[in-house]
C-alpha atoms as a PDB file:
ATOM      1  CA  UNK A   1       9.502   3.993 -14.242  1.00  0.00           C
ATOM      2  CA  UNK A   2      10.756   2.420 -17.390  1.00  0.00           C
ATOM      3  CA  UNK A   3      11.854  -1.122 -16.754  1.00  0.00           C
ATOM      4  CA  UNK A   4       8.951  -3.455 -15.969  1.00  0.00           C
ATOM      5  CA  UNK A   5      11.219  -5.818 -13.939  1.00  0.00           C
ATOM      6  CA  UNK A   6      12.336  -2.868 -11.737  1.00  0.00           C
ATOM      7  CA  UNK A   7       8.679  -1.800 -11.434  1.00  0.00           C
ATOM      8  CA  UNK A   8       7.707  -5.272 -10.258  1.00  0.00           C
ATOM      9  CA  UNK A   9      10.474  -5.220  -7.622  1.00  0.00           C
ATOM     10  CA  UNK A  10       9.496  -1.802  -6.418  1.00  0.00           C
ATOM     11  CA  UNK A  11       5.826  -2.715  -6.128  1.00  0.00           C
ATOM     12  CA  UNK A  12       6.598  -5.999  -4.354  1.00  0.00           C
ATOM     13  CA  UNK A  13       8.746  -4.203  -1.792  1.00  0.00           C
ATOM     14  CA  UNK A  14       6.062  -1.532  -1.258  1.00  0.00           C
ATOM     15  CA  UNK A  15       3.413  -4.200  -0.882  1.00  0.00           C
ATOM     16  CA  UNK A  16       5.372  -6.035   1.799  1.00  0.00           C
ATOM     17  CA  UNK A  17       6.031  -2.774   3.715  1.00  0.00           C
ATOM     18  CA  UNK A  18       2.338  -1.921   3.370  1.00  0.00           C
ATOM     19  CA  UNK A  19       1.188  -5.265   4.688  1.00  0.00           C
ATOM     20  CA  UNK A  20       3.572  -4.927   7.671  1.00  0.00           C
ATOM     21  CA  UNK A  21       2.269  -1.420   8.264  1.00  0.00           C
ATOM     22  CA  UNK A  22      -1.415  -2.449   8.354  1.00  0.00           C
ATOM     23  CA  UNK A  23      -0.566  -5.392  10.617  1.00  0.00           C
ATOM     24  CA  UNK A  24       1.541  -3.304  13.008  1.00  0.00           C
ATOM     25  CA  UNK A  25      -0.594  -0.162  13.154  1.00  0.00           C
ATOM     26  CA  UNK A  26      -4.109  -1.593  12.867  1.00  0.00           C
ATOM     27  CA  UNK A  27      -3.686  -5.367  13.476  1.00  0.00           C
ATOM     28  CA  UNK A  28      -5.199  -5.982  10.004  1.00  0.00           C
ATOM     29  CA  UNK A  29      -4.158  -8.547   7.388  1.00  0.00           C
ATOM     30  CA  UNK A  30      -4.468  -7.059   3.957  1.00  0.00           C
ATOM     31  CA  UNK A  31      -3.930  -8.073   0.356  1.00  0.00           C
ATOM     32  CA  UNK A  32      -3.076  -5.506  -2.284  1.00  0.00           C
ATOM     33  CA  UNK A  33      -4.666  -6.262  -5.647  1.00  0.00           C
ATOM     34  CA  UNK A  34      -3.563  -3.267  -7.770  1.00  0.00           C
ATOM     35  CA  UNK A  35      -1.210  -0.381  -7.842  1.00  0.00           C
ATOM     36  CA  UNK A  36      -0.677   2.986  -9.486  1.00  0.00           C
ATOM     37  CA  UNK A  37       2.510   5.005  -9.676  1.00  0.00           C
ATOM     38  CA  UNK A  38       2.205   8.771  -9.225  1.00  0.00           C
ATOM     39  CA  UNK A  39       3.741  10.814 -12.059  1.00  0.00           C
ATOM     40  CA  UNK A  40       7.489  11.431 -11.308  1.00  0.00           C
ATOM     41  CA  UNK A  41       6.796  15.178 -11.106  1.00  0.00           C
ATOM     42  CA  UNK A  42       4.599  14.438  -7.956  1.00  0.00           C
ATOM     43  CA  UNK A  43       7.309  12.387  -6.181  1.00  0.00           C
ATOM     44  CA  UNK A  44       8.359   8.744  -5.796  1.00  0.00           C
ATOM     45  CA  UNK A  45       5.030   7.445  -4.576  1.00  0.00           C
ATOM     46  CA  UNK A  46       2.875   4.426  -5.462  1.00  0.00           C
ATOM     47  CA  UNK A  47      -0.733   3.865  -4.454  1.00  0.00           C
ATOM     48  CA  UNK A  48      -1.592   0.450  -3.322  1.00  0.00           C
ATOM     49  CA  UNK A  49      -5.239  -0.686  -3.484  1.00  0.00           C
ATOM     50  CA  UNK A  50      -6.537  -3.783  -1.794  1.00  0.00           C
ATOM     51  CA  UNK A  51      -8.731  -5.320   0.801  1.00  0.00           C
ATOM     52  CA  UNK A  52      -8.766  -7.191   4.065  1.00  0.00           C
ATOM     53  CA  UNK A  53      -7.769 -10.849   3.631  1.00  0.00           C
ATOM     54  CA  UNK A  54     -10.729 -11.905   5.833  1.00  0.00           C
ATOM     55  CA  UNK A  55     -13.271  -9.701   3.976  1.00  0.00           C
ATOM     56  CA  UNK A  56     -12.705  -8.817   0.366  1.00  0.00           C
ATOM     57  CA  UNK A  57     -15.537  -6.246   0.552  1.00  0.00           C
ATOM     58  CA  UNK A  58     -13.589  -4.109   2.915  1.00  0.00           C
ATOM     59  CA  UNK A  59     -11.202  -1.997   0.885  1.00  0.00           C
ATOM     60  CA  UNK A  60      -7.960  -0.412   2.011  1.00  0.00           C
ATOM     61  CA  UNK A  61      -5.564   2.093   0.413  1.00  0.00           C
ATOM     62  CA  UNK A  62      -2.012   3.040   1.058  1.00  0.00           C
ATOM     63  CA  UNK A  63       0.220   5.724  -0.531  1.00  0.00           C
ATOM     64  CA  UNK A  64       3.855   4.824   0.018  1.00  0.00           C
ATOM     65  CA  UNK A  65       7.170   6.385  -1.062  1.00  0.00           C
ATOM     66  CA  UNK A  66       8.787   3.507  -2.944  1.00  0.00           C
ATOM     67  CA  UNK A  67      12.374   4.905  -2.403  1.00  0.00           C
ATOM     68  CA  UNK A  68      12.169   5.259   1.341  1.00  0.00           C
ATOM     69  CA  UNK A  69       9.120   2.936   2.084  1.00  0.00           C
ATOM     70  CA  UNK A  70       7.739   5.728   4.172  1.00  0.00           C
ATOM     71  CA  UNK A  71       3.903   5.750   4.447  1.00  0.00           C
ATOM     72  CA  UNK A  72       2.440   8.968   3.003  1.00  0.00           C
ATOM     73  CA  UNK A  73      -1.203   8.180   3.901  1.00  0.00           C
ATOM     74  CA  UNK A  74      -3.379   5.177   4.553  1.00  0.00           C
ATOM     75  CA  UNK A  75      -7.188   4.650   4.327  1.00  0.00           C
ATOM     76  CA  UNK A  76      -8.999   2.152   6.500  1.00  0.00           C
ATOM     77  CA  UNK A  77     -12.702   2.054   7.314  1.00  0.00           C
ATOM     78  CA  UNK A  78     -13.113   3.961  10.562  1.00  0.00           C
ATOM     79  CA  UNK A  79     -14.906   1.080  12.334  1.00  0.00           C
ATOM     80  CA  UNK A  80     -11.758  -0.991  12.047  1.00  0.00           C
ATOM     81  CA  UNK A  81      -9.387   1.451  13.759  1.00  0.00           C
ATOM     82  CA  UNK A  82      -8.700   0.358  17.315  1.00  0.00           C
ATOM     83  CA  UNK A  83      -8.035   3.163  19.676  1.00  0.00           C
END
């Protein structure tokens, strides 16, 4: 990542996809507050860190491929996962 404008667009797209994922998969509304790009040698992934919109103390995490918007992994407190 070299161009900050491009980085911002990538992160915004990833955050929108991440919000949709949490809503669709877990019926949770989330807000992402920070991000971290993986080194390019590890792939085209960005980690998104945030919390539930209804409870800022409940943290969530998502690792997403910013080229394909494929979810690599997600972390949600176990008690919130509906079976």
